[in-house]
Amino acid sequence: METVTVSPKFQVVIPKAVRTSLGIKPGQKVQVLEYDGRIELIPEKPLSELRGILKGKNVGFTREKDRL
């Protein structure tokens, strides 16, 4: 775990090891969530990277009769 400092402008720098591990690039959007008293940063991925993410998953299911 690494510690960062909040600047007077409320900015933080994501440590290089974390940026590299998650593949975060300059200009990339990151979602910020407050959850249970903590801050979570979630990198957004372009839709092109998500292609095939469900390949091999069982997506077959039976719908309820009152649904289309």
N, C-alpha and C. Protein backbone atom coordinates (compact mmCIF):
# COMPACT_ATOMS: atom_id res chain seq x y z
N MET A 1 0.85 -1.17 0.00
CA MET A 1 0.00 0.00 0.00
C MET A 1 0.89 1.23 0.00
N GLU A 2 0.52 2.20 -0.82
CA GLU A 2 1.29 3.43 -0.91
C GLU A 2 0.44 4.59 -0.38
N THR A 3 1.11 5.62 0.09
CA THR A 3 0.44 6.80 0.61
C THR A 3 0.68 7.96 -0.34
N VAL A 4 -0.37 8.74 -0.58
CA VAL A 4 -0.24 9.94 -1.41
C VAL A 4 -0.70 11.14 -0.58
N THR A 5 -0.32 12.33 -1.02
CA THR A 5 -0.68 13.56 -0.33
C THR A 5 -1.65 14.35 -1.19
N VAL A 6 -2.66 14.90 -0.58
CA VAL A 6 -3.62 15.75 -1.28
C VAL A 6 -3.03 17.16 -1.33
N SER A 7 -2.96 17.72 -2.55
CA SER A 7 -2.39 19.06 -2.73
C SER A 7 -3.40 20.12 -2.28
N PRO A 8 -2.96 21.38 -2.18
CA PRO A 8 -3.89 22.46 -1.83
C PRO A 8 -5.06 22.59 -2.82
N LYS A 9 -4.87 22.08 -4.05
CA LYS A 9 -5.95 22.09 -5.05
C LYS A 9 -6.74 20.78 -5.03
N PHE A 10 -6.56 19.97 -3.98
CA PHE A 10 -7.23 18.68 -3.80
C PHE A 10 -6.87 17.68 -4.90
N GLN A 11 -5.64 17.74 -5.40
CA GLN A 11 -5.16 16.81 -6.41
C GLN A 11 -4.29 15.75 -5.74
N VAL A 12 -4.29 14.54 -6.34
CA VAL A 12 -3.41 13.47 -5.89
C VAL A 12 -2.72 12.88 -7.12
N VAL A 13 -1.55 12.30 -6.91
CA VAL A 13 -0.82 11.64 -7.97
C VAL A 13 -0.93 10.13 -7.73
N ILE A 14 -1.37 9.42 -8.76
CA ILE A 14 -1.46 7.96 -8.65
C ILE A 14 -0.04 7.42 -8.79
N PRO A 15 0.43 6.64 -7.82
CA PRO A 15 1.81 6.13 -7.87
C PRO A 15 2.08 5.34 -9.16
N LYS A 16 3.32 5.44 -9.63
CA LYS A 16 3.71 4.81 -10.90
C LYS A 16 3.45 3.31 -10.91
N ALA A 17 3.72 2.62 -9.82
CA ALA A 17 3.49 1.18 -9.77
C ALA A 17 2.02 0.84 -10.01
N VAL A 18 1.13 1.66 -9.46
CA VAL A 18 -0.31 1.44 -9.64
C VAL A 18 -0.72 1.77 -11.07
N ARG A 19 -0.22 2.90 -11.60
CA ARG A 19 -0.54 3.27 -12.99
C ARG A 19 -0.10 2.19 -13.95
N THR A 20 1.10 1.68 -13.76
CA THR A 20 1.63 0.65 -14.64
C THR A 20 0.82 -0.64 -14.52
N SER A 21 0.53 -1.04 -13.31
CA SER A 21 -0.22 -2.27 -13.07
C SER A 21 -1.60 -2.24 -13.72
N LEU A 22 -2.26 -1.08 -13.65
CA LEU A 22 -3.62 -0.96 -14.19
C LEU A 22 -3.65 -0.44 -15.62
N GLY A 23 -2.50 -0.07 -16.16
CA GLY A 23 -2.43 0.41 -17.54
C GLY A 23 -3.08 1.77 -17.73
N ILE A 24 -3.00 2.62 -16.72
CA ILE A 24 -3.60 3.95 -16.80
C ILE A 24 -2.68 4.86 -17.63
N LYS A 25 -3.28 5.54 -18.60
CA LYS A 25 -2.54 6.42 -19.51
C LYS A 25 -2.92 7.88 -19.25
N PRO A 26 -2.06 8.83 -19.62
CA PRO A 26 -2.41 10.25 -19.46
C PRO A 26 -3.69 10.59 -20.23
N GLY A 27 -4.57 11.34 -19.61
CA GLY A 27 -5.82 11.73 -20.23
C GLY A 27 -6.95 10.73 -20.06
N GLN A 28 -6.64 9.56 -19.53
CA GLN A 28 -7.68 8.53 -19.34
C GLN A 28 -8.62 8.96 -18.22
N LYS A 29 -9.90 8.66 -18.39
CA LYS A 29 -10.90 8.99 -17.38
C LYS A 29 -10.88 7.95 -16.27
N VAL A 30 -11.12 8.42 -15.04
CA VAL A 30 -11.17 7.54 -13.88
C VAL A 30 -12.44 7.90 -13.10
N GLN A 31 -13.25 6.92 -12.78
CA GLN A 31 -14.45 7.16 -11.98
C GLN A 31 -14.04 7.26 -10.52
N VAL A 32 -14.67 8.19 -9.80
CA VAL A 32 -14.38 8.38 -8.39
C VAL A 32 -15.65 8.06 -7.61
N LEU A 33 -15.54 7.11 -6.68
CA LEU A 33 -16.68 6.70 -5.87
C LEU A 33 -16.36 6.85 -4.40
N GLU A 34 -17.34 7.29 -3.64
CA GLU A 34 -17.22 7.27 -2.19
C GLU A 34 -18.01 6.06 -1.74
N TYR A 35 -17.35 5.15 -1.03
CA TYR A 35 -18.00 3.92 -0.62
C TYR A 35 -17.59 3.56 0.80
N ASP A 36 -18.55 3.52 1.68
CA ASP A 36 -18.32 3.07 3.05
C ASP A 36 -17.16 3.82 3.71
N GLY A 37 -17.11 5.14 3.52
CA GLY A 37 -16.10 5.96 4.16
C GLY A 37 -14.74 5.97 3.50
N ARG A 38 -14.66 5.49 2.26
CA ARG A 38 -13.38 5.51 1.56
C ARG A 38 -13.59 5.99 0.12
N ILE A 39 -12.50 6.34 -0.54
CA ILE A 39 -12.54 6.81 -1.93
C ILE A 39 -11.99 5.69 -2.81
N GLU A 40 -12.73 5.38 -3.88
CA GLU A 40 -12.26 4.36 -4.84
C GLU A 40 -12.14 5.01 -6.21
N LEU A 41 -11.02 4.75 -6.88
CA LEU A 41 -10.79 5.23 -8.24
C LEU A 41 -10.87 4.03 -9.18
N ILE A 42 -11.74 4.12 -10.18
CA ILE A 42 -11.93 3.02 -11.11
C ILE A 42 -11.63 3.51 -12.52
N PRO A 43 -10.56 3.00 -13.15
CA PRO A 43 -10.24 3.44 -14.51
C PRO A 43 -11.32 3.02 -15.49
N GLU A 44 -11.73 3.96 -16.35
CA GLU A 44 -12.67 3.63 -17.41
C GLU A 44 -11.91 2.99 -18.55
N LYS A 45 -12.51 2.00 -19.17
CA LYS A 45 -11.89 1.32 -20.31
C LYS A 45 -12.72 1.62 -21.56
N PRO A 46 -12.07 1.80 -22.71
CA PRO A 46 -12.82 2.00 -23.94
C PRO A 46 -13.60 0.72 -24.29
N LEU A 47 -14.73 0.90 -24.95
CA LEU A 47 -15.56 -0.25 -25.32
C LEU A 47 -14.81 -1.26 -26.16
N SER A 48 -13.85 -0.80 -26.95
CA SER A 48 -13.09 -1.73 -27.79
C SER A 48 -12.30 -2.73 -26.94
N GLU A 49 -11.88 -2.33 -25.74
CA GLU A 49 -11.15 -3.25 -24.87
C GLU A 49 -12.07 -4.28 -24.23
N LEU A 50 -13.35 -3.99 -24.16
CA LEU A 50 -14.30 -4.89 -23.52
C LEU A 50 -14.85 -5.95 -24.47
N ARG A 51 -14.54 -5.83 -25.75
CA ARG A 51 -15.04 -6.78 -26.73
C ARG A 51 -14.57 -8.19 -26.38
N GLY A 52 -15.52 -9.12 -26.33
CA GLY A 52 -15.21 -10.51 -26.05
C GLY A 52 -15.06 -10.85 -24.58
N ILE A 53 -15.39 -9.91 -23.71
CA ILE A 53 -15.20 -10.13 -22.27
C ILE A 53 -16.09 -11.27 -21.76
N LEU A 54 -17.23 -11.49 -22.41
CA LEU A 54 -18.14 -12.55 -21.97
C LEU A 54 -17.99 -13.84 -22.77
N LYS A 55 -16.97 -13.91 -23.61
CA LYS A 55 -16.78 -15.09 -24.43
C LYS A 55 -16.62 -16.33 -23.54
N GLY A 56 -17.42 -17.34 -23.84
CA GLY A 56 -17.36 -18.58 -23.08
C GLY A 56 -18.25 -18.60 -21.84
N LYS A 57 -18.87 -17.48 -21.52
CA LYS A 57 -19.75 -17.42 -20.36
C LYS A 57 -21.12 -17.99 -20.74
N ASN A 58 -21.77 -18.62 -19.81
CA ASN A 58 -23.11 -19.16 -20.04
C ASN A 58 -24.11 -18.01 -19.90
N VAL A 59 -24.60 -17.52 -21.03
CA VAL A 59 -25.56 -16.43 -21.02
C VAL A 59 -26.97 -16.92 -21.32
N GLY A 60 -27.14 -18.23 -21.43
CA GLY A 60 -28.46 -18.80 -21.66
C GLY A 60 -29.24 -18.88 -20.36
N PHE A 61 -30.45 -18.40 -20.38
CA PHE A 61 -31.30 -18.46 -19.20
C PHE A 61 -32.75 -18.44 -19.65
N THR A 62 -33.64 -18.83 -18.79
CA THR A 62 -35.06 -18.84 -19.09
C THR A 62 -35.69 -17.59 -18.51
N ARG A 63 -36.40 -16.87 -19.38
CA ARG A 63 -37.07 -15.65 -18.92
C ARG A 63 -38.38 -15.99 -18.22
N GLU A 64 -38.78 -15.13 -17.32
CA GLU A 64 -40.07 -15.28 -16.67
C GLU A 64 -41.14 -15.00 -17.70
N LYS A 65 -42.31 -15.59 -17.53
CA LYS A 65 -43.38 -15.48 -18.54
C LYS A 65 -43.89 -14.05 -18.71
N ASP A 66 -43.82 -13.23 -17.69
CA ASP A 66 -44.32 -11.85 -17.80
C ASP A 66 -43.28 -10.89 -18.40
N ARG A 67 -42.14 -11.40 -18.81
CA ARG A 67 -41.10 -10.59 -19.46
C ARG A 67 -41.07 -10.89 -20.95
N LEU A 68 -40.54 -9.96 -21.73
CA LEU A 68 -40.45 -10.18 -23.18
C LEU A 68 -39.48 -11.25 -23.54
